[in-house]
Amino acid sequence: MNTAPIFAPPDNPCELRGDHRPVDLVFLSRQTGGDRALEEEVLRLFAKQAAMLGDDLRTLTDNEQRKRQAHTLKGAARAIGAFGLADHALQIETEPDNPAPVTALLREVGTVRDYIASLLR
């Protein structure tokens, strides 16, 4: 059993970006203690959650609900190492009445989900 510590993302997740992949797999491996089966399960769950939250953000009109959904997506994205997606969610969280960031977020959700799908084949 691997007892490697679980690392929380820093306040500035940009510090962890060693490459430009949609998901930092080194970070994810640290989060899961190197357990490949757990990594795959986490990625599958995240891909579903990101799609649902993205759909919610596209359709919600209440700013408080948008902030909550963006906050949830931001935390989940940071937890797996999808820091670019987390940055898009943060923008919506801080500007919930601005519809422009949603388009960029949905594009990034698609990119992350495609990347995850390529890893799980």
N, C-alpha and C. Protein backbone atom coordinates (compact mmCIF):
# COMPACT_ATOMS: atom_id res chain seq x y z
N MET A 1 0.84 -1.18 0.00
CA MET A 1 0.00 0.00 0.00
C MET A 1 0.88 1.24 0.00
N ASN A 2 0.62 2.14 -0.91
CA ASN A 2 1.39 3.38 -1.02
C ASN A 2 0.81 4.39 -0.05
N THR A 3 1.66 4.93 0.81
CA THR A 3 1.19 5.90 1.80
C THR A 3 1.71 7.30 1.50
N ALA A 4 1.89 7.61 0.23
CA ALA A 4 2.35 8.95 -0.14
C ALA A 4 1.33 9.98 0.31
N PRO A 5 1.81 11.13 0.78
CA PRO A 5 0.88 12.16 1.24
C PRO A 5 0.06 12.73 0.09
N ILE A 6 -1.13 13.17 0.42
CA ILE A 6 -1.98 13.82 -0.57
C ILE A 6 -1.68 15.31 -0.50
N PHE A 7 -1.40 15.90 -1.64
CA PHE A 7 -1.04 17.31 -1.69
C PHE A 7 -2.22 18.13 -2.15
N ALA A 8 -2.50 19.19 -1.44
CA ALA A 8 -3.54 20.13 -1.85
C ALA A 8 -2.93 21.09 -2.85
N PRO A 9 -3.72 21.58 -3.81
CA PRO A 9 -3.18 22.54 -4.76
C PRO A 9 -2.82 23.84 -4.05
N PRO A 10 -1.80 24.54 -4.56
CA PRO A 10 -1.42 25.81 -3.94
C PRO A 10 -2.47 26.87 -4.21
N ASP A 11 -2.33 28.01 -3.53
CA ASP A 11 -3.24 29.12 -3.78
C ASP A 11 -3.18 29.57 -5.23
N ASN A 12 -2.01 29.48 -5.84
CA ASN A 12 -1.85 29.85 -7.24
C ASN A 12 -1.53 28.59 -8.03
N PRO A 13 -2.54 27.93 -8.61
CA PRO A 13 -2.31 26.65 -9.28
C PRO A 13 -1.38 26.77 -10.48
N CYS A 14 -1.17 27.97 -11.01
CA CYS A 14 -0.27 28.13 -12.14
C CYS A 14 1.14 27.65 -11.80
N GLU A 15 1.48 27.66 -10.51
CA GLU A 15 2.79 27.23 -10.08
C GLU A 15 3.05 25.76 -10.39
N LEU A 16 1.99 24.97 -10.55
CA LEU A 16 2.15 23.54 -10.76
C LEU A 16 2.20 23.15 -12.23
N ARG A 17 1.97 24.06 -13.12
CA ARG A 17 1.87 23.69 -14.53
C ARG A 17 3.25 23.47 -15.14
N GLY A 18 3.67 22.22 -15.14
CA GLY A 18 4.94 21.89 -15.74
C GLY A 18 4.81 21.65 -17.23
N ASP A 19 3.62 21.43 -17.69
CA ASP A 19 3.38 21.25 -19.12
C ASP A 19 2.02 21.84 -19.44
N HIS A 20 1.58 21.69 -20.65
CA HIS A 20 0.33 22.34 -21.05
C HIS A 20 -0.77 21.33 -21.36
N ARG A 21 -0.69 20.16 -20.80
CA ARG A 21 -1.77 19.19 -20.98
C ARG A 21 -2.98 19.64 -20.18
N PRO A 22 -4.18 19.29 -20.61
CA PRO A 22 -5.39 19.72 -19.90
C PRO A 22 -5.49 19.20 -18.47
N VAL A 23 -4.82 18.10 -18.18
CA VAL A 23 -4.80 17.54 -16.82
C VAL A 23 -3.34 17.25 -16.48
N ASP A 24 -2.89 17.76 -15.35
CA ASP A 24 -1.53 17.51 -14.88
C ASP A 24 -1.51 16.11 -14.27
N LEU A 25 -1.00 15.15 -15.03
CA LEU A 25 -1.04 13.76 -14.59
C LEU A 25 -0.08 13.47 -13.44
N VAL A 26 0.97 14.24 -13.32
CA VAL A 26 1.88 14.08 -12.19
C VAL A 26 1.16 14.50 -10.90
N PHE A 27 0.47 15.62 -10.97
CA PHE A 27 -0.30 16.08 -9.82
C PHE A 27 -1.38 15.05 -9.47
N LEU A 28 -2.10 14.56 -10.47
CA LEU A 28 -3.14 13.56 -10.22
C LEU A 28 -2.55 12.32 -9.56
N SER A 29 -1.40 11.89 -10.02
CA SER A 29 -0.76 10.72 -9.44
C SER A 29 -0.42 10.94 -7.97
N ARG A 30 0.03 12.13 -7.65
CA ARG A 30 0.31 12.44 -6.24
C ARG A 30 -0.99 12.42 -5.43
N GLN A 31 -2.05 12.94 -6.00
CA GLN A 31 -3.34 12.97 -5.30
C GLN A 31 -3.87 11.56 -5.02
N THR A 32 -3.59 10.64 -5.92
CA THR A 32 -4.13 9.28 -5.78
C THR A 32 -3.11 8.30 -5.22
N GLY A 33 -1.96 8.81 -4.81
CA GLY A 33 -0.93 7.92 -4.27
C GLY A 33 -0.38 6.96 -5.31
N GLY A 34 -0.48 7.32 -6.58
CA GLY A 34 0.04 6.48 -7.66
C GLY A 34 -0.85 5.29 -8.01
N ASP A 35 -2.05 5.24 -7.49
CA ASP A 35 -2.98 4.14 -7.76
C ASP A 35 -3.66 4.38 -9.11
N ARG A 36 -3.24 3.63 -10.13
CA ARG A 36 -3.76 3.85 -11.50
C ARG A 36 -5.26 3.60 -11.60
N ALA A 37 -5.75 2.58 -10.94
CA ALA A 37 -7.18 2.30 -10.99
C ALA A 37 -7.97 3.46 -10.39
N LEU A 38 -7.48 4.00 -9.28
CA LEU A 38 -8.13 5.14 -8.66
C LEU A 38 -8.07 6.36 -9.57
N GLU A 39 -6.93 6.60 -10.22
CA GLU A 39 -6.81 7.71 -11.17
C GLU A 39 -7.87 7.60 -12.26
N GLU A 40 -8.02 6.41 -12.82
CA GLU A 40 -9.00 6.21 -13.89
C GLU A 40 -10.42 6.47 -13.39
N GLU A 41 -10.74 5.99 -12.21
CA GLU A 41 -12.08 6.21 -11.65
C GLU A 41 -12.33 7.69 -11.39
N VAL A 42 -11.35 8.37 -10.83
CA VAL A 42 -11.47 9.80 -10.56
C VAL A 42 -11.67 10.56 -11.87
N LEU A 43 -10.92 10.22 -12.89
CA LEU A 43 -11.05 10.90 -14.19
C LEU A 43 -12.43 10.66 -14.81
N ARG A 44 -12.92 9.42 -14.72
CA ARG A 44 -14.26 9.13 -15.25
C ARG A 44 -15.34 9.96 -14.53
N LEU A 45 -15.25 9.97 -13.22
CA LEU A 45 -16.23 10.74 -12.44
C LEU A 45 -16.13 12.23 -12.74
N PHE A 46 -14.90 12.73 -12.83
CA PHE A 46 -14.73 14.15 -13.10
C PHE A 46 -15.28 14.51 -14.48
N ALA A 47 -15.06 13.69 -15.48
CA ALA A 47 -15.55 13.99 -16.83
C ALA A 47 -17.08 14.13 -16.82
N LYS A 48 -17.75 13.25 -16.10
CA LYS A 48 -19.22 13.35 -15.99
C LYS A 48 -19.63 14.60 -15.23
N GLN A 49 -18.96 14.85 -14.11
CA GLN A 49 -19.31 16.02 -13.29
C GLN A 49 -19.07 17.31 -14.07
N ALA A 50 -17.96 17.40 -14.78
CA ALA A 50 -17.64 18.62 -15.54
C ALA A 50 -18.69 18.88 -16.62
N ALA A 51 -19.15 17.82 -17.27
CA ALA A 51 -20.18 17.99 -18.29
C ALA A 51 -21.48 18.51 -17.68
N MET A 52 -21.87 17.95 -16.55
CA MET A 52 -23.11 18.39 -15.89
C MET A 52 -23.00 19.84 -15.40
N LEU A 53 -21.89 20.17 -14.76
CA LEU A 53 -21.72 21.52 -14.25
C LEU A 53 -21.61 22.53 -15.39
N GLY A 54 -20.95 22.15 -16.47
CA GLY A 54 -20.87 23.02 -17.64
C GLY A 54 -22.24 23.30 -18.22
N ASP A 55 -23.06 22.25 -18.32
CA ASP A 55 -24.44 22.44 -18.80
C ASP A 55 -25.22 23.37 -17.88
N ASP A 56 -25.05 23.19 -16.57
CA ASP A 56 -25.72 24.07 -15.61
C ASP A 56 -25.28 25.52 -15.81
N LEU A 57 -24.00 25.74 -15.96
CA LEU A 57 -23.50 27.10 -16.11
C LEU A 57 -23.99 27.75 -17.39
N ARG A 58 -24.23 26.95 -18.40
CA ARG A 58 -24.73 27.48 -19.66
C ARG A 58 -26.19 27.93 -19.51
N THR A 59 -26.96 27.27 -18.67
CA THR A 59 -28.40 27.54 -18.61
C THR A 59 -28.85 28.35 -17.40
N LEU A 60 -28.05 28.37 -16.34
CA LEU A 60 -28.47 29.10 -15.13
C LEU A 60 -28.49 30.60 -15.38
N THR A 61 -29.49 31.25 -14.80
CA THR A 61 -29.58 32.70 -14.90
C THR A 61 -29.38 33.38 -13.55
N ASP A 62 -29.54 32.66 -12.47
CA ASP A 62 -29.35 33.21 -11.14
C ASP A 62 -27.85 33.28 -10.83
N ASN A 63 -27.36 34.48 -10.54
CA ASN A 63 -25.92 34.66 -10.32
C ASN A 63 -25.38 33.88 -9.13
N GLU A 64 -26.15 33.77 -8.06
CA GLU A 64 -25.68 33.02 -6.89
C GLU A 64 -25.53 31.54 -7.22
N GLN A 65 -26.46 31.00 -8.00
CA GLN A 65 -26.35 29.60 -8.41
C GLN A 65 -25.16 29.41 -9.34
N ARG A 66 -24.95 30.37 -10.24
CA ARG A 66 -23.79 30.29 -11.14
C ARG A 66 -22.49 30.30 -10.34
N LYS A 67 -22.42 31.16 -9.32
CA LYS A 67 -21.23 31.22 -8.49
C LYS A 67 -20.98 29.90 -7.78
N ARG A 68 -22.04 29.30 -7.25
CA ARG A 68 -21.89 28.02 -6.55
C ARG A 68 -21.44 26.91 -7.49
N GLN A 69 -22.06 26.83 -8.66
CA GLN A 69 -21.68 25.79 -9.62
C GLN A 69 -20.24 26.00 -10.11
N ALA A 70 -19.88 27.25 -10.37
CA ALA A 70 -18.51 27.55 -10.81
C ALA A 70 -17.51 27.20 -9.71
N HIS A 71 -17.86 27.49 -8.47
CA HIS A 71 -16.99 27.17 -7.34
C HIS A 71 -16.80 25.65 -7.22
N THR A 72 -17.87 24.91 -7.38
CA THR A 72 -17.79 23.45 -7.32
C THR A 72 -16.89 22.92 -8.43
N LEU A 73 -17.08 23.42 -9.64
CA LEU A 73 -16.27 22.97 -10.77
C LEU A 73 -14.80 23.35 -10.55
N LYS A 74 -14.56 24.55 -10.06
CA LYS A 74 -13.19 25.00 -9.80
C LYS A 74 -12.49 24.04 -8.83
N GLY A 75 -13.15 23.71 -7.74
CA GLY A 75 -12.55 22.81 -6.75
C GLY A 75 -12.29 21.42 -7.30
N ALA A 76 -13.25 20.89 -8.03
CA ALA A 76 -13.08 19.55 -8.60
C ALA A 76 -11.95 19.54 -9.64
N ALA A 77 -11.89 20.58 -10.44
CA ALA A 77 -10.84 20.66 -11.47
C ALA A 77 -9.46 20.77 -10.83
N ARG A 78 -9.34 21.58 -9.81
CA ARG A 78 -8.05 21.70 -9.12
C ARG A 78 -7.65 20.39 -8.46
N ALA A 79 -8.61 19.67 -7.95
CA ALA A 79 -8.32 18.41 -7.25
C ALA A 79 -7.72 17.35 -8.17
N ILE A 80 -8.04 17.40 -9.47
CA ILE A 80 -7.48 16.41 -10.38
C ILE A 80 -6.32 16.96 -11.21
N GLY A 81 -6.07 18.26 -11.11
CA GLY A 81 -4.98 18.85 -11.88
C GLY A 81 -5.40 19.48 -13.18
N ALA A 82 -6.69 19.79 -13.35
CA ALA A 82 -7.18 20.48 -14.55
C ALA A 82 -7.20 21.98 -14.24
N PHE A 83 -6.00 22.55 -14.11
CA PHE A 83 -5.87 23.91 -13.62
C PHE A 83 -6.38 24.96 -14.61
N GLY A 84 -6.26 24.71 -15.90
CA GLY A 84 -6.81 25.66 -16.88
C GLY A 84 -8.31 25.75 -16.77
N LEU A 85 -8.97 24.63 -16.61
CA LEU A 85 -10.42 24.61 -16.43
C LEU A 85 -10.80 25.31 -15.13
N ALA A 86 -10.02 25.08 -14.09
CA ALA A 86 -10.28 25.75 -12.81
C ALA A 86 -10.18 27.26 -12.96
N ASP A 87 -9.24 27.73 -13.75
CA ASP A 87 -9.10 29.17 -13.98
C ASP A 87 -10.34 29.74 -14.67
N HIS A 88 -10.88 29.01 -15.65
CA HIS A 88 -12.11 29.45 -16.32
C HIS A 88 -13.28 29.50 -15.34
N ALA A 89 -13.37 28.50 -14.49
CA ALA A 89 -14.45 28.47 -13.49
C ALA A 89 -14.30 29.62 -12.51
N LEU A 90 -13.08 29.93 -12.13
CA LEU A 90 -12.84 31.06 -11.23
C LEU A 90 -13.33 32.37 -11.85
N GLN A 91 -13.11 32.53 -13.13
CA GLN A 91 -13.57 33.75 -13.79
C GLN A 91 -15.09 33.87 -13.71
N ILE A 92 -15.80 32.77 -13.89
CA ILE A 92 -17.26 32.80 -13.78
C ILE A 92 -17.67 33.04 -12.33
N GLU A 93 -16.94 32.43 -11.41
CA GLU A 93 -17.25 32.62 -9.99
C GLU A 93 -17.11 34.08 -9.58
N THR A 94 -16.12 34.77 -10.13
CA THR A 94 -15.91 36.17 -9.76
C THR A 94 -16.73 37.15 -10.60
N GLU A 95 -17.19 36.71 -11.77
CA GLU A 95 -18.02 37.55 -12.65
C GLU A 95 -19.26 36.77 -13.10
N PRO A 96 -20.12 36.38 -12.18
CA PRO A 96 -21.24 35.50 -12.54
C PRO A 96 -22.24 36.13 -13.51
N ASP A 97 -22.26 37.45 -13.59
CA ASP A 97 -23.21 38.10 -14.49
C ASP A 97 -22.65 38.29 -15.90
N ASN A 98 -21.41 37.90 -16.13
CA ASN A 98 -20.79 38.05 -17.45
C ASN A 98 -20.91 36.72 -18.20
N PRO A 99 -21.66 36.68 -19.28
CA PRO A 99 -21.85 35.41 -20.00
C PRO A 99 -20.64 34.99 -20.85
N ALA A 100 -19.73 35.90 -21.14
CA ALA A 100 -18.61 35.59 -22.03
C ALA A 100 -17.71 34.46 -21.53
N PRO A 101 -17.35 34.42 -20.25
CA PRO A 101 -16.45 33.33 -19.80
C PRO A 101 -17.05 31.94 -19.92
N VAL A 102 -18.36 31.84 -20.00
CA VAL A 102 -18.99 30.52 -20.08
C VAL A 102 -18.60 29.82 -21.38
N THR A 103 -18.53 30.55 -22.47
CA THR A 103 -18.14 29.96 -23.75
C THR A 103 -16.74 29.35 -23.67
N ALA A 104 -15.82 30.10 -23.08
CA ALA A 104 -14.45 29.60 -22.94
C ALA A 104 -14.42 28.39 -22.01
N LEU A 105 -15.19 28.43 -20.94
CA LEU A 105 -15.24 27.31 -20.00
C LEU A 105 -15.78 26.06 -20.70
N LEU A 106 -16.83 26.20 -21.47
CA LEU A 106 -17.40 25.03 -22.14
C LEU A 106 -16.42 24.44 -23.15
N ARG A 107 -15.66 25.30 -23.81
CA ARG A 107 -14.63 24.81 -24.73
C ARG A 107 -13.58 24.02 -23.96
N GLU A 108 -13.17 24.55 -22.80
CA GLU A 108 -12.17 23.87 -21.98
C GLU A 108 -12.71 22.56 -21.40
N VAL A 109 -13.98 22.54 -21.02
CA VAL A 109 -14.59 21.29 -20.55
C VAL A 109 -14.48 20.23 -21.65
N GLY A 110 -14.78 20.62 -22.87
CA GLY A 110 -14.66 19.68 -24.00
C GLY A 110 -13.24 19.20 -24.19
N THR A 111 -12.29 20.10 -24.09
CA THR A 111 -10.88 19.73 -24.24
C THR A 111 -10.45 18.75 -23.16
N VAL A 112 -10.82 19.04 -21.92
CA VAL A 112 -10.45 18.17 -20.81
C VAL A 112 -11.12 16.81 -20.95
N ARG A 113 -12.39 16.80 -21.31
CA ARG A 113 -13.09 15.52 -21.46
C ARG A 113 -12.50 14.70 -22.61
N ASP A 114 -12.15 15.35 -23.71
CA ASP A 114 -11.51 14.63 -24.82
C ASP A 114 -10.17 14.04 -24.40
N TYR A 115 -9.42 14.82 -23.63
CA TYR A 115 -8.12 14.35 -23.15
C TYR A 115 -8.30 13.14 -22.23
N ILE A 116 -9.25 13.25 -21.32
CA ILE A 116 -9.53 12.13 -20.41
C ILE A 116 -9.94 10.89 -21.20
N ALA A 117 -10.82 11.08 -22.19
CA ALA A 117 -11.25 9.94 -23.02
C ALA A 117 -10.07 9.30 -23.72
N SER A 118 -9.11 10.10 -24.18
CA SER A 118 -7.93 9.54 -24.85
C SER A 118 -7.07 8.72 -23.89
N LEU A 119 -7.07 9.09 -22.62
CA LEU A 119 -6.30 8.35 -21.63
C LEU A 119 -6.96 7.04 -21.23
N LEU A 120 -8.27 6.99 -21.30
CA LEU A 120 -9.01 5.82 -20.81
C LEU A 120 -9.32 4.80 -21.89
N ARG A 121 -8.82 4.99 -23.06
CA ARG A 121 -9.08 4.02 -24.14
C ARG A 121 -8.35 2.75 -23.93
